[in-house]
């Protein structure tokens, strides 16, 4: 199993996996556009040549937002989603990103449980956000994960004793 950047050359596979996973999957064109958008990044997970999943996010100043996160159906419940999320969080912490956000459909119970298990906090909901069958809509649940306490960007600041040996905290 390997992790590597999700790039423009991966857009077709990413789109196919997305369409299999979501009610309204994103098109090839949507992925091509997203992967060329400034401040948008992705990590993919492969086993041999097979795409098992990926996470796509956007970074703006000291915040990041997960745009989509997909694990192939046959690859779920094996720690792969946690491995991808942990890789993302490690990268964001190195870049001093303070918070990570995601919106999840209220009927996606496995995803809701996954984010709560990984210390995301429910911030609220957006009504009638995700389309479903028969022209109906459901709420998006908005979550946040704090990656750091507020860290002023000034020399000499140490958040607490456990951060003294953290190479990513300015001292």
N, C-alpha and C. Protein backbone atom coordinates (compact mmCIF):
# COMPACT_ATOMS: atom_id res chain seq x y z
N UNK A 1 0.84 -1.17 0.00
CA UNK A 1 0.00 0.00 0.00
C UNK A 1 0.90 1.24 0.00
N UNK A 2 0.66 2.16 -0.93
CA UNK A 2 1.47 3.37 -1.01
C UNK A 2 0.57 4.61 -1.04
N UNK A 3 1.09 5.69 -0.48
CA UNK A 3 0.46 6.99 -0.54
C UNK A 3 1.28 7.87 -1.46
N UNK A 4 0.61 8.64 -2.31
CA UNK A 4 1.30 9.56 -3.21
C UNK A 4 0.34 10.69 -3.57
N UNK A 5 0.85 11.76 -4.15
CA UNK A 5 -0.03 12.86 -4.53
C UNK A 5 -1.07 12.42 -5.57
N UNK A 6 -2.28 12.92 -5.42
CA UNK A 6 -3.32 12.74 -6.43
C UNK A 6 -3.10 13.88 -7.43
N UNK A 7 -2.86 13.53 -8.69
CA UNK A 7 -2.51 14.54 -9.69
C UNK A 7 -3.48 14.50 -10.85
N UNK A 8 -3.29 15.41 -11.77
CA UNK A 8 -4.16 15.53 -12.93
C UNK A 8 -4.23 14.22 -13.73
N UNK A 9 -3.14 13.48 -13.78
CA UNK A 9 -3.16 12.24 -14.56
C UNK A 9 -4.07 11.17 -13.92
N UNK A 10 -4.51 11.39 -12.67
CA UNK A 10 -5.36 10.43 -11.96
C UNK A 10 -6.85 10.77 -12.05
N UNK A 11 -7.21 11.81 -12.78
CA UNK A 11 -8.58 12.32 -12.71
C UNK A 11 -9.65 11.30 -13.12
N UNK A 12 -9.38 10.48 -14.13
CA UNK A 12 -10.41 9.52 -14.59
C UNK A 12 -10.71 8.47 -13.51
N UNK A 13 -9.66 7.91 -12.94
CA UNK A 13 -9.86 6.92 -11.88
C UNK A 13 -10.54 7.54 -10.66
N UNK A 14 -10.12 8.75 -10.32
CA UNK A 14 -10.72 9.44 -9.17
C UNK A 14 -12.20 9.70 -9.41
N UNK A 15 -12.54 10.13 -10.61
CA UNK A 15 -13.93 10.39 -10.96
C UNK A 15 -14.76 9.11 -10.91
N UNK A 16 -14.24 8.04 -11.45
CA UNK A 16 -14.95 6.76 -11.45
C UNK A 16 -15.23 6.30 -10.03
N UNK A 17 -14.21 6.36 -9.16
CA UNK A 17 -14.39 5.95 -7.77
C UNK A 17 -15.41 6.84 -7.07
N UNK A 18 -15.38 8.14 -7.35
CA UNK A 18 -16.32 9.08 -6.75
C UNK A 18 -17.75 8.77 -7.18
N UNK A 19 -17.93 8.48 -8.44
CA UNK A 19 -19.27 8.18 -8.95
C UNK A 19 -19.81 6.87 -8.36
N UNK A 20 -18.94 5.93 -8.06
CA UNK A 20 -19.37 4.69 -7.42
C UNK A 20 -19.76 4.90 -5.96
N UNK A 21 -19.14 5.89 -5.31
CA UNK A 21 -19.31 6.08 -3.87
C UNK A 21 -20.45 7.03 -3.48
N UNK A 22 -20.77 7.99 -4.35
CA UNK A 22 -21.73 9.03 -3.97
C UNK A 22 -22.95 9.05 -4.87
N UNK A 23 -24.05 9.52 -4.31
CA UNK A 23 -25.30 9.63 -5.06
C UNK A 23 -25.11 10.48 -6.31
N UNK A 24 -24.45 11.63 -6.13
CA UNK A 24 -24.14 12.50 -7.25
C UNK A 24 -22.62 12.59 -7.35
N UNK A 25 -22.02 11.67 -8.08
CA UNK A 25 -20.57 11.65 -8.22
C UNK A 25 -20.08 12.75 -9.15
N UNK A 26 -18.86 13.18 -8.93
CA UNK A 26 -18.28 14.24 -9.75
C UNK A 26 -17.81 13.69 -11.08
N UNK A 27 -17.89 14.51 -12.09
CA UNK A 27 -17.51 14.13 -13.45
C UNK A 27 -15.99 14.22 -13.65
N UNK A 28 -15.53 13.66 -14.77
CA UNK A 28 -14.12 13.79 -15.15
C UNK A 28 -13.73 15.26 -15.22
N UNK A 29 -14.58 16.07 -15.82
CA UNK A 29 -14.30 17.51 -15.98
C UNK A 29 -14.17 18.19 -14.62
N UNK A 30 -15.06 17.84 -13.69
CA UNK A 30 -14.98 18.43 -12.35
C UNK A 30 -13.64 18.13 -11.70
N UNK A 31 -13.18 16.88 -11.83
CA UNK A 31 -11.89 16.52 -11.24
C UNK A 31 -10.74 17.22 -11.94
N UNK A 32 -10.79 17.31 -13.25
CA UNK A 32 -9.73 18.02 -13.97
C UNK A 32 -9.64 19.47 -13.47
N UNK A 33 -10.78 20.12 -13.33
CA UNK A 33 -10.79 21.51 -12.87
C UNK A 33 -10.29 21.63 -11.44
N UNK A 34 -10.78 20.77 -10.55
CA UNK A 34 -10.35 20.82 -9.15
C UNK A 34 -8.85 20.60 -9.00
N UNK A 35 -8.32 19.63 -9.72
CA UNK A 35 -6.91 19.31 -9.58
C UNK A 35 -5.99 20.38 -10.16
N UNK A 36 -6.56 21.34 -10.86
CA UNK A 36 -5.79 22.47 -11.40
C UNK A 36 -6.06 23.76 -10.63
N UNK A 37 -6.90 23.70 -9.62
CA UNK A 37 -7.26 24.87 -8.83
C UNK A 37 -6.17 25.18 -7.81
N UNK A 38 -5.76 26.45 -7.72
CA UNK A 38 -4.75 26.80 -6.71
C UNK A 38 -5.21 26.41 -5.30
N UNK A 39 -4.28 26.03 -4.47
CA UNK A 39 -4.50 25.68 -3.07
C UNK A 39 -5.28 24.38 -2.88
N UNK A 40 -5.44 23.58 -3.94
CA UNK A 40 -6.16 22.31 -3.86
C UNK A 40 -5.16 21.18 -4.06
N UNK A 41 -5.23 20.19 -3.16
CA UNK A 41 -4.27 19.11 -3.13
C UNK A 41 -4.97 17.77 -2.91
N UNK A 42 -4.29 16.69 -3.21
CA UNK A 42 -4.86 15.37 -2.97
C UNK A 42 -3.79 14.36 -2.63
N UNK A 43 -4.18 13.37 -1.86
CA UNK A 43 -3.34 12.21 -1.56
C UNK A 43 -4.14 10.99 -2.00
N UNK A 44 -3.47 10.08 -2.70
CA UNK A 44 -4.13 8.85 -3.10
C UNK A 44 -3.45 7.66 -2.44
N UNK A 45 -4.23 6.59 -2.31
CA UNK A 45 -3.71 5.35 -1.76
C UNK A 45 -3.89 4.27 -2.83
N UNK A 46 -2.80 3.57 -3.10
CA UNK A 46 -2.83 2.50 -4.09
C UNK A 46 -2.25 1.23 -3.50
N UNK A 47 -2.75 0.13 -4.01
CA UNK A 47 -2.17 -1.17 -3.73
C UNK A 47 -1.84 -1.75 -5.09
N UNK A 48 -0.56 -1.92 -5.34
CA UNK A 48 -0.07 -2.23 -6.69
C UNK A 48 -0.53 -1.09 -7.59
N UNK A 49 -1.30 -1.36 -8.62
CA UNK A 49 -1.76 -0.29 -9.51
C UNK A 49 -3.20 0.13 -9.22
N UNK A 50 -3.83 -0.49 -8.23
CA UNK A 50 -5.25 -0.24 -7.96
C UNK A 50 -5.46 0.94 -7.02
N UNK A 51 -6.29 1.88 -7.44
CA UNK A 51 -6.66 3.03 -6.61
C UNK A 51 -7.64 2.56 -5.54
N UNK A 52 -7.23 2.65 -4.28
CA UNK A 52 -8.08 2.23 -3.17
C UNK A 52 -8.86 3.39 -2.58
N UNK A 53 -8.33 4.60 -2.74
CA UNK A 53 -9.01 5.75 -2.18
C UNK A 53 -8.17 7.00 -2.30
N UNK A 54 -8.77 8.10 -1.91
CA UNK A 54 -8.06 9.38 -1.94
C UNK A 54 -8.79 10.39 -1.09
N UNK A 55 -8.07 11.44 -0.79
CA UNK A 55 -8.63 12.58 -0.07
C UNK A 55 -8.18 13.83 -0.82
N UNK A 56 -9.12 14.72 -1.08
CA UNK A 56 -8.88 15.95 -1.83
C UNK A 56 -9.28 17.10 -0.91
N UNK A 57 -8.39 18.10 -0.77
CA UNK A 57 -8.68 19.21 0.14
C UNK A 57 -8.17 20.51 -0.45
N UNK A 58 -8.63 21.60 0.19
CA UNK A 58 -8.22 22.96 -0.17
C UNK A 58 -7.67 23.63 1.07
N UNK A 59 -6.59 24.38 0.90
CA UNK A 59 -5.96 25.13 1.99
C UNK A 59 -6.10 26.62 1.72
N UNK A 60 -6.59 27.35 2.71
CA UNK A 60 -6.66 28.80 2.64
C UNK A 60 -6.16 29.34 3.97
N UNK A 61 -5.06 30.06 3.90
CA UNK A 61 -4.40 30.61 5.09
C UNK A 61 -4.18 29.52 6.13
N UNK A 62 -4.80 29.62 7.33
CA UNK A 62 -4.55 28.62 8.37
C UNK A 62 -5.68 27.62 8.52
N UNK A 63 -6.51 27.46 7.47
CA UNK A 63 -7.60 26.49 7.48
C UNK A 63 -7.53 25.60 6.25
N UNK A 64 -8.10 24.42 6.40
CA UNK A 64 -8.21 23.49 5.28
C UNK A 64 -9.61 22.89 5.30
N UNK A 65 -10.08 22.53 4.12
CA UNK A 65 -11.39 21.91 3.99
C UNK A 65 -11.26 20.66 3.12
N UNK A 66 -11.75 19.54 3.63
CA UNK A 66 -11.79 18.32 2.82
C UNK A 66 -12.92 18.51 1.81
N UNK A 67 -12.57 18.40 0.53
CA UNK A 67 -13.56 18.55 -0.54
C UNK A 67 -14.25 17.22 -0.82
N UNK A 68 -13.48 16.15 -0.79
CA UNK A 68 -14.04 14.81 -0.91
C UNK A 68 -13.04 13.81 -0.37
N UNK A 69 -13.58 12.70 0.09
CA UNK A 69 -12.78 11.65 0.70
C UNK A 69 -13.46 10.33 0.35
N UNK A 70 -12.76 9.48 -0.38
CA UNK A 70 -13.37 8.25 -0.88
C UNK A 70 -12.45 7.06 -0.63
N UNK A 71 -13.03 5.99 -0.13
CA UNK A 71 -12.36 4.70 -0.05
C UNK A 71 -13.23 3.72 -0.84
N UNK A 72 -12.61 2.94 -1.73
CA UNK A 72 -13.35 1.96 -2.52
C UNK A 72 -14.10 1.02 -1.57
N UNK A 73 -15.29 0.62 -1.97
CA UNK A 73 -16.14 -0.22 -1.13
C UNK A 73 -15.40 -1.46 -0.62
N UNK A 74 -14.68 -2.15 -1.49
CA UNK A 74 -13.98 -3.38 -1.09
C UNK A 74 -12.80 -3.12 -0.15
N UNK A 75 -12.38 -1.86 -0.02
CA UNK A 75 -11.20 -1.53 0.80
C UNK A 75 -11.57 -0.91 2.14
N UNK A 76 -12.85 -0.78 2.43
CA UNK A 76 -13.29 -0.13 3.68
C UNK A 76 -13.13 -1.06 4.88
N UNK A 77 -13.16 -0.44 6.06
CA UNK A 77 -13.09 -1.15 7.34
C UNK A 77 -11.76 -1.89 7.52
N UNK A 78 -10.70 -1.35 6.92
CA UNK A 78 -9.38 -1.97 7.05
C UNK A 78 -8.32 -0.95 7.49
N UNK A 79 -8.77 0.21 7.98
CA UNK A 79 -7.85 1.24 8.46
C UNK A 79 -7.30 2.14 7.38
N UNK A 80 -7.74 1.97 6.17
CA UNK A 80 -7.18 2.77 5.07
C UNK A 80 -7.65 4.21 5.13
N UNK A 81 -8.91 4.43 5.49
CA UNK A 81 -9.40 5.80 5.64
C UNK A 81 -8.64 6.53 6.75
N UNK A 82 -8.42 5.84 7.85
CA UNK A 82 -7.65 6.44 8.95
C UNK A 82 -6.24 6.77 8.51
N UNK A 83 -5.62 5.89 7.74
CA UNK A 83 -4.26 6.15 7.26
C UNK A 83 -4.21 7.39 6.37
N UNK A 84 -5.18 7.54 5.48
CA UNK A 84 -5.23 8.73 4.62
C UNK A 84 -5.46 9.99 5.45
N UNK A 85 -6.43 9.94 6.35
CA UNK A 85 -6.72 11.11 7.18
C UNK A 85 -5.51 11.48 8.04
N UNK A 86 -4.86 10.49 8.62
CA UNK A 86 -3.67 10.77 9.44
C UNK A 86 -2.55 11.40 8.61
N UNK A 87 -2.37 10.93 7.38
CA UNK A 87 -1.35 11.51 6.50
C UNK A 87 -1.69 12.98 6.19
N UNK A 88 -2.97 13.24 5.94
CA UNK A 88 -3.40 14.62 5.68
C UNK A 88 -3.15 15.49 6.92
N UNK A 89 -3.57 15.04 8.07
CA UNK A 89 -3.42 15.85 9.29
C UNK A 89 -1.95 16.13 9.59
N UNK A 90 -1.09 15.15 9.38
CA UNK A 90 0.35 15.37 9.60
C UNK A 90 0.88 16.45 8.67
N UNK A 91 0.47 16.40 7.42
CA UNK A 91 0.91 17.42 6.44
C UNK A 91 0.41 18.79 6.84
N UNK A 92 -0.85 18.88 7.23
CA UNK A 92 -1.44 20.17 7.59
C UNK A 92 -0.78 20.74 8.85
N UNK A 93 -0.47 19.90 9.81
CA UNK A 93 0.21 20.37 11.02
C UNK A 93 1.58 20.93 10.69
N UNK A 94 2.31 20.25 9.79
CA UNK A 94 3.63 20.76 9.38
C UNK A 94 3.50 22.14 8.74
N UNK A 95 2.39 22.40 8.08
CA UNK A 95 2.17 23.69 7.43
C UNK A 95 1.49 24.69 8.36
N UNK A 96 1.34 24.33 9.63
CA UNK A 96 0.74 25.18 10.66
C UNK A 96 -0.72 25.52 10.35
N UNK A 97 -1.41 24.62 9.69
CA UNK A 97 -2.86 24.76 9.50
C UNK A 97 -3.52 24.51 10.86
N UNK A 98 -4.44 25.38 11.25
CA UNK A 98 -5.06 25.31 12.57
C UNK A 98 -6.28 24.40 12.63
N UNK A 99 -7.11 24.43 11.56
CA UNK A 99 -8.39 23.71 11.59
C UNK A 99 -8.65 23.03 10.26
N UNK A 100 -9.33 21.89 10.34
CA UNK A 100 -9.74 21.13 9.17
C UNK A 100 -11.25 20.97 9.22
N UNK A 101 -11.93 21.26 8.12
CA UNK A 101 -13.38 21.21 8.04
C UNK A 101 -13.83 20.17 7.03
N UNK A 102 -15.03 19.66 7.23
CA UNK A 102 -15.66 18.78 6.24
C UNK A 102 -17.18 18.87 6.41
N UNK A 103 -17.88 18.67 5.30
CA UNK A 103 -19.33 18.55 5.32
C UNK A 103 -19.68 17.13 4.92
N UNK A 104 -20.61 16.52 5.66
CA UNK A 104 -21.00 15.13 5.45
C UNK A 104 -22.52 15.07 5.36
N UNK A 105 -23.02 14.30 4.41
CA UNK A 105 -24.47 14.10 4.29
C UNK A 105 -25.00 13.43 5.55
N UNK A 106 -26.13 13.92 6.03
CA UNK A 106 -26.67 13.40 7.29
C UNK A 106 -27.07 11.93 7.21
N UNK A 107 -27.24 11.38 6.01
CA UNK A 107 -27.58 9.97 5.88
C UNK A 107 -26.34 9.09 5.69
N UNK A 108 -25.15 9.66 5.73
CA UNK A 108 -23.91 8.89 5.59
C UNK A 108 -23.40 8.52 6.98
N UNK A 109 -24.09 7.56 7.59
CA UNK A 109 -23.81 7.17 8.97
C UNK A 109 -22.38 6.68 9.16
N UNK A 110 -21.83 5.84 8.25
CA UNK A 110 -20.43 5.43 8.46
C UNK A 110 -19.46 6.62 8.48
N UNK A 111 -19.67 7.60 7.61
CA UNK A 111 -18.78 8.77 7.59
C UNK A 111 -18.95 9.61 8.85
N UNK A 112 -20.18 9.80 9.30
CA UNK A 112 -20.43 10.56 10.52
C UNK A 112 -19.69 9.91 11.70
N UNK A 113 -19.78 8.60 11.80
CA UNK A 113 -19.09 7.88 12.87
C UNK A 113 -17.57 8.00 12.74
N UNK A 114 -17.07 7.90 11.51
CA UNK A 114 -15.64 7.99 11.25
C UNK A 114 -15.08 9.33 11.73
N UNK A 115 -15.74 10.43 11.37
CA UNK A 115 -15.22 11.74 11.75
C UNK A 115 -15.33 11.98 13.25
N UNK A 116 -16.39 11.52 13.87
CA UNK A 116 -16.49 11.66 15.32
C UNK A 116 -15.40 10.84 16.01
N UNK A 117 -15.12 9.65 15.50
CA UNK A 117 -14.04 8.80 16.05
C UNK A 117 -12.68 9.48 15.92
N UNK A 118 -12.52 10.33 14.90
CA UNK A 118 -11.25 11.00 14.64
C UNK A 118 -11.23 12.44 15.17
N UNK A 119 -12.01 12.70 16.22
CA UNK A 119 -11.98 13.96 16.97
C UNK A 119 -12.47 15.18 16.19
N UNK A 120 -13.36 14.98 15.24
CA UNK A 120 -14.03 16.11 14.60
C UNK A 120 -15.22 16.48 15.48
N UNK A 121 -15.50 17.76 15.56
CA UNK A 121 -16.60 18.28 16.36
C UNK A 121 -17.68 18.82 15.43
N UNK A 122 -18.92 18.49 15.73
CA UNK A 122 -20.04 18.99 14.94
C UNK A 122 -20.22 20.48 15.18
N UNK A 123 -20.20 21.26 14.10
CA UNK A 123 -20.40 22.71 14.20
C UNK A 123 -21.85 23.10 13.92
N UNK A 124 -22.50 22.37 13.03
CA UNK A 124 -23.87 22.71 12.67
C UNK A 124 -24.29 21.96 11.42
N UNK A 125 -25.40 22.40 10.85
CA UNK A 125 -25.89 21.75 9.64
C UNK A 125 -26.38 22.77 8.63
N UNK A 126 -26.29 22.38 7.37
CA UNK A 126 -26.79 23.19 6.26
C UNK A 126 -27.99 22.44 5.70
N UNK A 127 -29.14 23.05 5.77
CA UNK A 127 -30.37 22.40 5.33
C UNK A 127 -30.41 22.25 3.81
N UNK A 128 -31.05 21.17 3.38
CA UNK A 128 -31.31 20.93 1.96
C UNK A 128 -30.08 21.10 1.08
N UNK A 129 -28.99 20.50 1.48
CA UNK A 129 -27.72 20.69 0.79
C UNK A 129 -27.42 19.61 -0.24
N UNK A 130 -27.63 18.35 0.12
CA UNK A 130 -27.30 17.24 -0.78
C UNK A 130 -28.56 16.71 -1.46
N UNK A 131 -28.48 16.55 -2.78
CA UNK A 131 -29.61 16.01 -3.56
C UNK A 131 -29.72 14.51 -3.34
N UNK A 132 -30.96 14.05 -3.33
CA UNK A 132 -31.27 12.63 -3.24
C UNK A 132 -32.36 12.30 -4.27
N UNK A 133 -32.81 11.06 -4.28
CA UNK A 133 -33.82 10.62 -5.24
C UNK A 133 -35.11 11.42 -5.10
N UNK A 134 -35.89 11.43 -6.18
CA UNK A 134 -37.20 12.07 -6.21
C UNK A 134 -37.16 13.56 -5.87
N UNK A 135 -36.11 14.23 -6.30
CA UNK A 135 -36.00 15.67 -6.08
C UNK A 135 -36.04 16.08 -4.61
N UNK A 136 -35.51 15.24 -3.74
CA UNK A 136 -35.46 15.57 -2.33
C UNK A 136 -34.03 15.96 -1.96
N UNK A 137 -33.91 16.61 -0.82
CA UNK A 137 -32.61 17.07 -0.34
C UNK A 137 -32.48 16.75 1.14
N UNK A 138 -31.24 16.56 1.56
CA UNK A 138 -30.95 16.32 2.97
C UNK A 138 -29.89 17.31 3.46
N UNK A 139 -29.72 17.35 4.76
CA UNK A 139 -28.78 18.28 5.38
C UNK A 139 -27.33 17.82 5.24
N UNK A 140 -26.44 18.80 5.22
CA UNK A 140 -25.01 18.57 5.34
C UNK A 140 -24.63 18.88 6.78
N UNK A 141 -23.92 17.97 7.40
CA UNK A 141 -23.43 18.17 8.75
C UNK A 141 -22.01 18.72 8.63
N UNK A 142 -21.75 19.86 9.26
CA UNK A 142 -20.45 20.52 9.17
C UNK A 142 -19.63 20.19 10.41
N UNK A 143 -18.42 19.67 10.17
CA UNK A 143 -17.52 19.27 11.25
C UNK A 143 -16.20 20.03 11.16
N UNK A 144 -15.55 20.16 12.32
CA UNK A 144 -14.23 20.78 12.40
C UNK A 144 -13.33 19.92 13.28
N UNK A 145 -12.08 19.82 12.87
CA UNK A 145 -11.05 19.18 13.69
C UNK A 145 -9.99 20.24 13.93
N UNK A 146 -9.72 20.52 15.19
CA UNK A 146 -8.65 21.46 15.51
C UNK A 146 -7.33 20.70 15.48
N UNK A 147 -6.42 21.21 14.68
CA UNK A 147 -5.13 20.56 14.53
C UNK A 147 -4.10 21.12 15.50
N UNK A 148 -4.28 22.37 15.88
CA UNK A 148 -3.41 23.06 16.85
C UNK A 148 -4.31 24.00 17.64
N UNK A 149 -3.86 24.31 18.82
CA UNK A 149 -4.44 25.46 19.50
C UNK A 149 -3.95 26.67 18.72
N UNK A 150 -4.49 27.82 18.99
CA UNK A 150 -4.03 29.02 18.28
C UNK A 150 -2.55 29.19 18.53
N UNK A 151 -1.79 29.32 17.46
CA UNK A 151 -0.34 29.49 17.55
C UNK A 151 0.06 30.82 16.92
N UNK A 152 0.34 31.82 17.75
CA UNK A 152 0.79 33.08 17.15
C UNK A 152 2.09 32.85 16.40
N UNK A 153 2.23 33.50 15.28
CA UNK A 153 3.44 33.33 14.48
C UNK A 153 4.50 34.31 14.96
N UNK A 154 5.09 34.00 16.11
CA UNK A 154 6.15 34.84 16.65
C UNK A 154 7.16 33.94 17.35
N UNK A 155 8.37 34.33 17.31
CA UNK A 155 9.41 33.53 17.95
C UNK A 155 9.23 33.56 19.46
N UNK A 156 9.63 32.45 20.08
CA UNK A 156 9.59 32.37 21.53
C UNK A 156 8.30 31.81 22.08
N UNK A 157 7.27 31.60 21.28
CA UNK A 157 6.01 31.11 21.78
C UNK A 157 6.01 29.59 21.86
N UNK A 158 5.73 29.07 23.02
CA UNK A 158 5.56 27.63 23.19
C UNK A 158 4.20 27.43 23.83
N UNK A 159 3.37 26.62 23.18
CA UNK A 159 2.00 26.40 23.61
C UNK A 159 1.95 25.77 24.99
N UNK A 160 2.67 24.68 25.21
CA UNK A 160 2.75 24.03 26.51
C UNK A 160 3.98 23.12 26.51
N UNK A 161 4.25 22.49 27.64
CA UNK A 161 5.48 21.72 27.79
C UNK A 161 5.64 20.62 26.75
N UNK A 162 4.55 19.94 26.38
CA UNK A 162 4.68 18.82 25.45
C UNK A 162 5.14 19.27 24.06
N UNK A 163 5.03 20.57 23.75
CA UNK A 163 5.43 21.08 22.45
C UNK A 163 6.91 21.44 22.36
N UNK A 164 7.62 21.39 23.47
CA UNK A 164 9.02 21.81 23.47
C UNK A 164 9.83 21.02 22.45
N UNK A 165 9.55 19.72 22.31
CA UNK A 165 10.31 18.89 21.38
C UNK A 165 9.66 18.77 20.00
N UNK A 166 8.61 19.51 19.76
CA UNK A 166 7.90 19.45 18.47
C UNK A 166 8.63 20.34 17.47
N UNK A 167 9.20 19.78 16.41
CA UNK A 167 9.96 20.58 15.46
C UNK A 167 9.11 21.55 14.64
N UNK A 168 7.78 21.42 14.72
CA UNK A 168 6.92 22.26 13.92
C UNK A 168 6.42 23.49 14.67
N UNK A 169 6.73 23.59 15.97
CA UNK A 169 6.31 24.74 16.76
C UNK A 169 7.46 25.74 16.77
N UNK A 170 7.15 27.00 16.49
CA UNK A 170 8.18 28.04 16.52
C UNK A 170 8.61 28.26 17.96
N UNK A 171 9.90 28.31 18.19
CA UNK A 171 10.41 28.51 19.55
C UNK A 171 11.24 29.76 19.61
